[in-house]
N, C-alpha and C. Protein backbone atom coordinates (compact mmCIF):
# COMPACT_ATOMS: atom_id res chain seq x y z
N MET A 1 -105.96 105.93 -5.67
CA MET A 1 -104.87 106.40 -5.13
C MET A 1 -103.97 105.07 -5.06
N ALA A 2 -103.04 104.95 -6.15
CA ALA A 2 -102.26 104.17 -6.02
C ALA A 2 -100.97 103.78 -4.70
N ALA A 3 -100.67 102.62 -3.83
CA ALA A 3 -100.13 102.69 -2.87
C ALA A 3 -98.51 102.42 -3.38
N ARG A 4 -97.98 102.77 -2.80
CA ARG A 4 -96.05 102.91 -3.04
C ARG A 4 -95.70 101.39 -3.01
N GLN A 5 -95.91 100.47 -3.67
CA GLN A 5 -95.01 99.05 -3.47
C GLN A 5 -94.06 98.92 -3.17
N GLU A 6 -93.39 98.33 -1.53
CA GLU A 6 -91.63 98.60 -1.84
C GLU A 6 -91.22 97.25 -1.82
N ALA A 7 -90.25 97.19 -2.46
CA ALA A 7 -89.10 95.79 -2.66
C ALA A 7 -89.13 95.13 -1.26
N MET A 8 -89.56 93.88 -1.80
CA MET A 8 -89.53 92.62 -0.31
C MET A 8 -87.98 92.20 -0.28
N ALA A 9 -87.33 92.26 0.20
CA ALA A 9 -86.64 91.53 0.85
C ALA A 9 -86.30 89.92 2.21
N LYS A 10 -85.67 89.37 1.30
CA LYS A 10 -85.32 87.89 2.08
C LYS A 10 -84.45 87.98 2.86
N VAL A 11 -84.09 88.58 4.34
CA VAL A 11 -83.11 88.16 5.22
C VAL A 11 -82.90 87.12 5.82
N GLY A 12 -81.67 86.61 6.01
CA GLY A 12 -80.97 85.75 6.61
C GLY A 12 -80.14 86.33 7.90
N VAL A 13 -80.89 86.70 9.32
CA VAL A 13 -79.60 87.06 10.10
C VAL A 13 -78.78 85.86 11.27
N PHE A 14 -77.85 86.03 10.79
CA PHE A 14 -76.75 84.83 11.34
C PHE A 14 -75.90 85.61 12.75
N VAL A 15 -76.31 84.51 13.73
CA VAL A 15 -75.75 85.60 14.88
C VAL A 15 -74.94 84.70 15.86
N GLY A 16 -74.08 85.68 16.10
CA GLY A 16 -72.91 84.62 17.02
C GLY A 16 -72.84 85.61 18.57
N SER A 17 -73.05 85.03 19.58
CA SER A 17 -73.14 85.42 20.67
C SER A 17 -72.65 84.49 21.63
N VAL A 18 -71.74 85.08 22.87
CA VAL A 18 -71.40 84.33 23.98
C VAL A 18 -72.65 84.74 25.03
N TYR A 19 -72.96 86.07 25.46
CA TYR A 19 -73.77 86.17 26.67
C TYR A 19 -75.08 86.47 26.07
N GLY A 20 -75.12 86.66 25.16
CA GLY A 20 -76.69 87.22 24.77
C GLY A 20 -77.30 88.65 24.15
N GLY A 21 -76.06 89.63 24.26
CA GLY A 21 -76.23 90.59 23.93
C GLY A 21 -76.73 90.40 21.99
N ALA A 22 -75.88 89.71 21.70
CA ALA A 22 -75.86 90.00 19.80
C ALA A 22 -77.04 89.28 19.85
N GLU A 23 -77.46 88.36 20.34
CA GLU A 23 -78.96 87.76 20.09
C GLU A 23 -80.08 88.79 20.36
N ASP A 24 -79.79 89.35 21.61
CA ASP A 24 -80.95 90.51 21.62
C ASP A 24 -80.79 91.18 20.44
N VAL A 25 -80.33 91.69 20.05
CA VAL A 25 -79.77 92.91 19.23
C VAL A 25 -80.46 92.34 17.76
N ALA A 26 -79.99 91.00 17.38
CA ALA A 26 -80.55 90.50 16.39
C ALA A 26 -81.92 89.95 16.31
N GLN A 27 -82.41 89.59 17.75
CA GLN A 27 -84.28 89.71 17.42
C GLN A 27 -84.64 90.65 17.39
N GLU A 28 -84.09 91.98 17.80
CA GLU A 28 -84.85 93.36 17.63
C GLU A 28 -84.95 93.42 16.14
N VAL A 29 -83.84 93.63 15.54
CA VAL A 29 -83.36 93.85 13.98
C VAL A 29 -84.08 93.00 12.98
N VAL A 30 -85.06 91.40 13.38
CA VAL A 30 -85.71 90.79 12.73
C VAL A 30 -87.29 91.02 12.91
N GLY A 31 -87.27 91.63 14.04
CA GLY A 31 -88.78 92.11 14.52
C GLY A 31 -89.00 93.83 13.64
N GLN A 32 -88.04 94.38 13.67
CA GLN A 32 -87.83 95.12 12.50
C GLN A 32 -88.30 94.95 11.31
N LEU A 33 -87.12 94.34 11.02
CA LEU A 33 -87.66 93.86 9.43
C LEU A 33 -88.60 93.83 9.09
N ILE A 34 -89.74 92.35 9.50
CA ILE A 34 -90.51 91.56 9.78
C ILE A 34 -91.82 92.84 9.84
N ALA A 35 -91.40 93.96 10.61
CA ALA A 35 -92.52 94.72 10.67
C ALA A 35 -92.54 95.52 9.35
N LYS A 36 -91.63 96.01 9.02
CA LYS A 36 -91.21 96.73 7.57
C LYS A 36 -91.91 95.42 6.32
N GLY A 37 -92.07 94.99 6.47
CA GLY A 37 -92.96 93.54 5.30
C GLY A 37 -92.05 92.76 5.17
N HIS A 38 -90.54 92.50 5.26
CA HIS A 38 -89.27 91.70 4.69
C HIS A 38 -89.81 90.23 5.32
N ALA A 39 -89.09 89.44 4.45
CA ALA A 39 -89.06 88.01 5.42
C ALA A 39 -87.96 88.06 5.37
N ALA A 40 -87.71 87.58 7.37
CA ALA A 40 -86.99 87.59 7.83
C ALA A 40 -86.29 86.38 8.86
N GLN A 41 -85.17 85.92 8.86
CA GLN A 41 -85.13 84.34 9.77
C GLN A 41 -84.04 85.01 10.94
N LEU A 42 -84.38 84.27 11.65
CA LEU A 42 -83.08 84.19 12.47
C LEU A 42 -82.50 82.76 13.11
N PHE A 43 -80.97 83.02 12.71
CA PHE A 43 -80.53 81.33 12.91
C PHE A 43 -79.51 81.78 13.75
N LEU A 44 -79.51 81.40 15.27
CA LEU A 44 -78.68 80.83 15.93
C LEU A 44 -77.62 80.18 16.08
N ASP A 45 -77.87 79.38 15.59
CA ASP A 45 -76.72 78.14 15.50
C ASP A 45 -76.35 77.62 13.96
N PRO A 46 -76.31 78.49 13.35
CA PRO A 46 -76.18 78.38 11.41
C PRO A 46 -75.26 77.84 11.13
N GLN A 47 -75.60 76.77 10.07
CA GLN A 47 -74.92 76.13 9.63
C GLN A 47 -74.71 76.68 7.99
N ILE A 48 -73.65 76.03 6.98
CA ILE A 48 -73.79 76.62 5.89
C ILE A 48 -74.90 76.12 5.17
N GLU A 49 -75.58 75.10 4.92
CA GLU A 49 -77.31 75.06 3.98
C GLU A 49 -77.81 76.10 4.64
N ASP A 50 -77.97 76.43 5.92
CA ASP A 50 -78.94 77.94 6.47
C ASP A 50 -78.02 79.13 5.62
N PHE A 51 -77.45 79.21 5.49
CA PHE A 51 -76.30 80.42 5.02
C PHE A 51 -76.64 80.38 3.09
N LEU A 52 -76.49 79.40 2.69
CA LEU A 52 -76.64 78.89 1.53
C LEU A 52 -78.03 79.42 0.63
N GLU A 53 -78.63 79.35 1.68
CA GLU A 53 -79.89 79.67 1.18
C GLU A 53 -80.25 80.96 0.68
N TYR A 54 -79.51 81.61 1.37
CA TYR A 54 -79.97 83.33 0.75
C TYR A 54 -78.69 83.89 0.45
N GLN A 55 -78.19 82.75 -1.03
CA GLN A 55 -77.07 83.17 -1.46
C GLN A 55 -77.17 84.31 -2.44
N ASN A 56 -78.79 84.33 -3.15
CA ASN A 56 -79.35 85.26 -3.77
C ASN A 56 -79.97 85.84 -3.25
N ASP A 57 -80.19 86.43 -1.86
CA ASP A 57 -80.69 87.16 -1.23
C ASP A 57 -79.92 88.09 -0.43
N VAL A 58 -80.34 88.04 1.24
CA VAL A 58 -79.65 89.08 1.83
C VAL A 58 -79.07 88.23 2.71
N ALA A 59 -77.85 88.46 3.50
CA ALA A 59 -77.70 87.93 5.13
C ALA A 59 -77.00 89.01 5.66
N LEU A 60 -77.28 88.73 7.03
CA LEU A 60 -76.58 89.71 8.02
C LEU A 60 -76.04 89.30 9.24
N VAL A 61 -74.92 89.34 8.96
CA VAL A 61 -74.31 88.61 10.26
C VAL A 61 -74.41 89.67 11.50
N ILE A 62 -74.42 89.16 12.94
CA ILE A 62 -74.76 89.94 14.01
C ILE A 62 -73.79 89.09 14.72
N THR A 63 -72.33 89.70 15.49
CA THR A 63 -71.43 89.17 16.33
C THR A 63 -70.88 90.08 17.42
N SER A 64 -70.78 89.16 18.51
CA SER A 64 -70.12 89.70 19.61
C SER A 64 -68.81 88.86 19.31
N THR A 65 -68.04 89.50 19.89
CA THR A 65 -66.34 88.98 19.92
C THR A 65 -65.96 88.42 21.22
N THR A 66 -65.35 87.19 20.97
CA THR A 66 -64.72 86.57 22.29
C THR A 66 -63.19 86.95 22.34
N GLY A 67 -62.81 86.23 23.57
CA GLY A 67 -61.90 85.90 23.98
C GLY A 67 -60.41 87.12 23.18
N GLN A 68 -59.45 86.71 22.15
CA GLN A 68 -58.44 87.48 21.89
C GLN A 68 -59.28 88.17 20.72
N GLY A 69 -60.40 88.34 19.98
CA GLY A 69 -61.14 88.51 18.33
C GLY A 69 -61.29 87.64 18.45
N GLU A 70 -61.68 86.71 18.79
CA GLU A 70 -62.13 85.38 18.12
C GLU A 70 -63.78 85.28 18.24
N ILE A 71 -64.09 84.51 17.10
CA ILE A 71 -65.79 84.65 16.52
C ILE A 71 -66.31 83.40 17.60
N PRO A 72 -67.61 84.20 18.28
CA PRO A 72 -68.01 83.17 18.97
C PRO A 72 -68.44 81.38 18.50
N ASP A 73 -68.76 80.56 19.54
CA ASP A 73 -68.62 78.94 19.41
C ASP A 73 -69.92 79.11 18.28
N ASN A 74 -71.13 79.24 18.92
CA ASN A 74 -72.25 79.00 17.70
C ASN A 74 -72.48 79.67 16.64
N LEU A 75 -70.89 80.33 16.01
CA LEU A 75 -71.01 80.75 14.72
C LEU A 75 -69.86 80.35 13.82
N LEU A 76 -68.95 79.80 14.25
CA LEU A 76 -67.74 79.52 14.63
C LEU A 76 -67.59 78.50 13.31
N PRO A 77 -68.76 76.85 13.20
CA PRO A 77 -69.16 76.40 12.09
C PRO A 77 -69.07 76.70 11.16
N LEU A 78 -70.43 77.85 11.14
CA LEU A 78 -70.38 78.65 9.89
C LEU A 78 -69.17 79.27 9.28
N TYR A 79 -68.43 79.73 9.81
CA TYR A 79 -67.36 80.71 9.64
C TYR A 79 -66.25 79.48 9.04
N LEU A 80 -65.74 78.73 9.21
CA LEU A 80 -64.84 78.01 8.97
C LEU A 80 -65.38 76.92 7.82
N ALA A 81 -66.91 76.42 7.65
CA ALA A 81 -67.54 75.43 6.70
C ALA A 81 -67.05 77.08 5.46
N LEU A 82 -67.10 77.84 5.48
CA LEU A 82 -67.26 79.21 4.10
C LEU A 82 -66.27 79.29 4.01
N ASN A 83 -65.15 79.12 4.52
CA ASN A 83 -63.63 79.51 4.18
C ASN A 83 -62.84 78.31 3.65
N GLU A 84 -63.63 76.58 4.19
CA GLU A 84 -63.01 75.72 3.34
C GLU A 84 -63.65 75.45 2.55
N GLN A 85 -65.24 75.46 2.23
CA GLN A 85 -65.69 75.17 0.63
C GLN A 85 -65.76 76.31 -0.24
N PHE A 86 -65.42 77.69 0.39
CA PHE A 86 -64.90 78.65 -0.59
C PHE A 86 -66.18 79.03 -1.31
N PRO A 87 -67.53 79.07 -0.96
CA PRO A 87 -68.35 79.09 -2.00
C PRO A 87 -68.13 80.11 -2.69
N LEU A 88 -68.05 80.61 -3.82
CA LEU A 88 -68.34 82.06 -4.67
C LEU A 88 -69.88 82.81 -4.26
N LEU A 89 -70.11 84.12 -3.95
CA LEU A 89 -71.31 84.21 -3.45
C LEU A 89 -72.11 85.39 -4.14
N PRO A 90 -71.47 86.07 -5.64
CA PRO A 90 -71.42 87.43 -6.01
C PRO A 90 -73.32 87.25 -5.76
N GLY A 91 -74.03 86.83 -5.80
CA GLY A 91 -75.43 87.30 -5.56
C GLY A 91 -75.99 87.62 -4.20
N LEU A 92 -74.78 87.82 -3.41
CA LEU A 92 -75.48 87.98 -1.67
C LEU A 92 -75.13 89.42 -1.52
N ALA A 93 -76.09 89.86 -1.17
CA ALA A 93 -76.39 91.34 -0.56
C ALA A 93 -76.17 91.00 0.91
N TYR A 94 -75.01 91.32 1.59
CA TYR A 94 -75.00 91.26 3.30
C TYR A 94 -74.45 92.65 3.73
N GLY A 95 -74.06 92.43 4.83
CA GLY A 95 -73.91 93.45 6.48
C GLY A 95 -73.17 92.60 7.44
N VAL A 96 -72.52 93.40 8.17
CA VAL A 96 -72.36 92.79 9.44
C VAL A 96 -72.07 94.07 10.05
N ILE A 97 -73.16 93.80 11.22
CA ILE A 97 -72.72 94.21 13.08
C ILE A 97 -72.18 93.51 13.90
N SER A 98 -71.04 94.18 14.55
CA SER A 98 -69.92 93.69 15.03
C SER A 98 -69.77 94.25 16.51
N MET A 99 -69.86 93.37 17.62
CA MET A 99 -69.66 94.03 18.64
C MET A 99 -68.53 93.45 19.75
N GLY A 100 -68.12 94.61 20.41
CA GLY A 100 -66.77 93.95 20.88
C GLY A 100 -66.44 95.01 21.53
N ASP A 101 -65.43 95.29 22.54
CA ASP A 101 -64.47 96.13 23.47
C ASP A 101 -63.55 96.85 23.25
N SER A 102 -63.72 97.60 22.60
CA SER A 102 -62.13 98.60 22.69
C SER A 102 -60.90 98.73 23.47
N SER A 103 -61.63 98.41 24.98
CA SER A 103 -60.27 97.90 25.37
C SER A 103 -59.66 96.69 25.64
N TYR A 104 -59.71 95.83 24.72
CA TYR A 104 -59.39 94.92 24.87
C TYR A 104 -57.73 95.31 23.67
N GLY A 105 -58.04 96.47 22.76
CA GLY A 105 -56.88 96.47 21.57
C GLY A 105 -57.77 96.41 20.66
N GLU A 106 -56.50 97.39 19.86
CA GLU A 106 -57.61 97.65 18.46
C GLU A 106 -57.41 96.49 17.71
N GLU A 107 -56.33 95.08 17.79
CA GLU A 107 -56.03 94.01 16.87
C GLU A 107 -57.41 92.69 17.56
N ARG A 108 -57.98 92.87 18.38
CA ARG A 108 -58.84 92.32 18.78
C ARG A 108 -60.30 92.81 18.80
N TYR A 109 -60.45 94.11 19.16
CA TYR A 109 -61.56 94.98 18.85
C TYR A 109 -62.42 94.04 17.87
N CYS A 110 -63.82 93.75 17.65
CA CYS A 110 -64.48 93.44 16.55
C CYS A 110 -64.29 92.58 15.83
N GLY A 111 -63.10 91.45 16.46
CA GLY A 111 -62.74 90.91 15.27
C GLY A 111 -63.26 89.82 14.65
N ALA A 112 -63.97 89.40 15.45
CA ALA A 112 -65.32 88.44 14.62
C ALA A 112 -66.00 89.11 13.66
N GLY A 113 -66.69 90.11 14.03
CA GLY A 113 -67.21 91.20 12.83
C GLY A 113 -66.20 91.10 11.55
N ARG A 114 -65.13 91.76 12.01
CA ARG A 114 -63.79 91.69 11.32
C ARG A 114 -63.63 90.96 9.94
N GLN A 115 -63.45 89.51 10.69
CA GLN A 115 -62.75 88.25 9.96
C GLN A 115 -64.32 88.05 9.36
N PHE A 116 -65.31 88.25 9.28
CA PHE A 116 -66.55 88.13 8.54
C PHE A 116 -66.42 88.40 7.65
N ASP A 117 -66.72 89.99 8.06
CA ASP A 117 -66.56 90.94 6.33
C ASP A 117 -65.88 90.58 5.57
N GLU A 118 -64.39 90.36 6.18
CA GLU A 118 -63.16 89.99 4.91
C GLU A 118 -63.75 88.74 4.13
N LEU A 119 -63.83 87.64 5.07
CA LEU A 119 -64.33 86.24 4.10
C LEU A 119 -65.57 86.84 3.19
N LEU A 120 -66.45 87.08 3.73
CA LEU A 120 -67.36 87.06 2.41
C LEU A 120 -66.89 88.25 1.53
N ALA A 121 -66.27 89.76 1.76
CA ALA A 121 -66.09 89.97 0.40
C ALA A 121 -64.93 89.13 -0.48
N GLN A 122 -64.14 88.20 -0.25
CA GLN A 122 -63.20 87.28 -0.72
C GLN A 122 -64.48 86.28 -1.56
N LEU A 123 -65.34 85.97 -0.85
CA LEU A 123 -66.46 85.12 -1.60
C LEU A 123 -67.01 86.00 -2.65
N GLN A 124 -66.83 87.37 -2.88
CA GLN A 124 -67.68 87.87 -3.95
C GLN A 124 -68.93 88.26 -3.68
N ALA A 125 -69.14 88.58 -1.67
CA ALA A 125 -70.53 89.17 -1.81
C ALA A 125 -70.41 90.84 -1.92
N LYS A 126 -71.39 91.29 -1.71
CA LYS A 126 -71.23 92.91 -2.22
C LYS A 126 -72.21 92.84 -0.54
N SER A 127 -71.18 93.91 -0.22
CA SER A 127 -71.54 94.78 1.23
C SER A 127 -72.37 95.60 0.52
N VAL A 128 -73.85 95.91 1.76
CA VAL A 128 -74.88 96.59 2.07
C VAL A 128 -74.01 97.87 2.04
N ASN A 129 -73.86 97.81 3.39
CA ASN A 129 -73.47 99.35 4.34
C ASN A 129 -71.87 98.78 4.62
N GLU A 130 -71.36 99.80 5.44
CA GLU A 130 -70.03 99.49 5.66
C GLU A 130 -70.19 98.84 7.19
N ARG A 131 -69.41 98.49 7.62
CA ARG A 131 -69.17 97.10 8.91
C ARG A 131 -69.99 98.10 9.77
N LEU A 132 -71.00 97.79 10.75
CA LEU A 132 -70.93 98.65 12.31
C LEU A 132 -70.13 97.97 13.28
N ASP A 133 -69.50 98.91 14.01
CA ASP A 133 -68.78 97.98 15.11
C ASP A 133 -69.42 98.95 16.07
N ILE A 134 -70.08 97.88 17.20
CA ILE A 134 -70.77 98.58 17.71
C ILE A 134 -69.50 98.54 19.33
N ASP A 135 -68.93 99.46 20.09
CA ASP A 135 -67.96 99.31 21.20
C ASP A 135 -68.13 99.55 22.70
N ALA A 136 -68.51 98.31 23.32
CA ALA A 136 -69.42 98.33 24.27
C ALA A 136 -68.96 99.25 25.38
N CYS A 137 -67.26 99.73 25.43
CA CYS A 137 -67.42 100.73 26.54
C CYS A 137 -67.97 102.06 25.69
N VAL A 138 -68.46 101.67 24.93
CA VAL A 138 -69.22 103.60 24.36
C VAL A 138 -70.61 103.68 24.30
N ASN A 139 -71.24 102.69 24.11
CA ASN A 139 -72.46 101.94 23.62
C ASN A 139 -72.87 101.28 24.88
N PHE A 140 -73.65 101.65 25.85
CA PHE A 140 -74.30 100.50 26.94
C PHE A 140 -75.37 99.60 26.00
N ASP A 141 -76.13 100.13 25.39
CA ASP A 141 -77.39 100.04 24.52
C ASP A 141 -76.73 99.70 23.38
N ALA A 142 -76.45 98.58 22.70
CA ALA A 142 -76.25 98.53 21.51
C ALA A 142 -77.42 98.63 20.32
N LEU A 143 -78.32 98.58 20.60
CA LEU A 143 -79.78 98.92 19.84
C LEU A 143 -79.72 100.69 19.41
N GLU A 144 -79.35 101.47 20.42
CA GLU A 144 -79.17 102.97 20.11
C GLU A 144 -78.72 102.95 18.66
N VAL A 145 -77.41 102.51 18.27
CA VAL A 145 -76.15 102.63 17.31
C VAL A 145 -76.85 101.74 16.15
N ALA A 146 -77.35 100.55 16.61
CA ALA A 146 -77.85 99.46 15.38
C ALA A 146 -79.19 99.63 14.82
N ILE A 147 -79.98 100.70 15.27
CA ILE A 147 -81.56 100.75 14.79
C ILE A 147 -80.98 101.96 13.73
N PRO A 148 -80.70 102.69 13.60
CA PRO A 148 -80.35 103.53 12.88
C PRO A 148 -79.22 103.17 11.75
N TRP A 149 -78.04 102.40 11.78
CA TRP A 149 -77.35 101.42 10.88
C TRP A 149 -78.65 100.66 9.83
N LEU A 150 -79.21 100.10 10.95
CA LEU A 150 -80.37 99.24 9.90
C LEU A 150 -81.19 99.54 9.21
N THR A 151 -82.27 101.06 9.62
CA THR A 151 -82.76 101.89 8.40
C THR A 151 -81.91 102.17 7.23
N GLN A 152 -80.44 102.55 7.55
CA GLN A 152 -80.12 102.78 6.16
C GLN A 152 -79.80 101.17 5.19
N PHE A 153 -80.21 100.21 6.07
CA PHE A 153 -79.57 98.95 5.27
C PHE A 153 -80.76 98.27 4.72
N VAL A 154 -81.87 99.03 5.25
CA VAL A 154 -83.31 98.42 4.93
C VAL A 154 -83.21 99.52 3.45
N GLN A 155 -83.32 100.12 3.45
CA GLN A 155 -82.97 101.53 2.49
C GLN A 155 -82.48 100.98 1.36
N ARG A 156 -81.54 100.44 1.38
CA ARG A 156 -80.49 100.06 0.47
C ARG A 156 -80.38 98.79 -0.43
N ILE A 157 -81.04 97.80 0.63
CA ILE A 157 -81.36 96.49 0.26
C ILE A 157 -82.34 96.44 -0.86
N THR A 158 -83.66 97.55 -0.53
CA THR A 158 -84.84 97.97 -1.19
C THR A 158 -84.69 98.77 -2.26
N GLU A 159 -83.86 99.57 -2.94
CA GLU A 159 -83.44 100.06 -3.82
C GLU A 159 -83.38 99.36 -4.91
C-alpha cells in the first residue's frame, strides 16, 4: 500500500514580540510545523538576509503590536529594510498572525501585523490566508485561535 506523500514546505517564522506572547505562539507554531514534517525555523531578531532566504518558500510573520500600533523593536529593522530595499517577492507565500488589544482603538489595533501584511502585498508576495488578528480582550489564550488558523494555512501551503 502506497503512503500518501505530502508536500513539505520550508517556512521561516519571523517574530515581533514585546512581552513574550507572540514568541510563545511562534514557538508552538514552529513545533506544530516540524511535527507535520515541514522545515520550520524561528527568527527572533530577523534580518533582511534571513527573510530573503525564504523568497521562494513560505514566510509567517507573528507579531504583537506595541505603543500606538507600532511594530515591536526586534521586528522593526526587518520591516524598515524590506520597505527601503523593496525587493519584489512574487515567489513568496506568506501569512500574518497579528496580536493586539482592541481597547486601544481601531487605528492602533493589530497595527504591526496590518503594516507587515500591506508591505508584503506591495512586494508582490502571495497571501496564503487572510491575516489573523487576535484580540487580547477576547482571546486570553492566543493559541486557541492561532492553531485552527495554522491548520488551514498548512493545508494551503501544501496543496
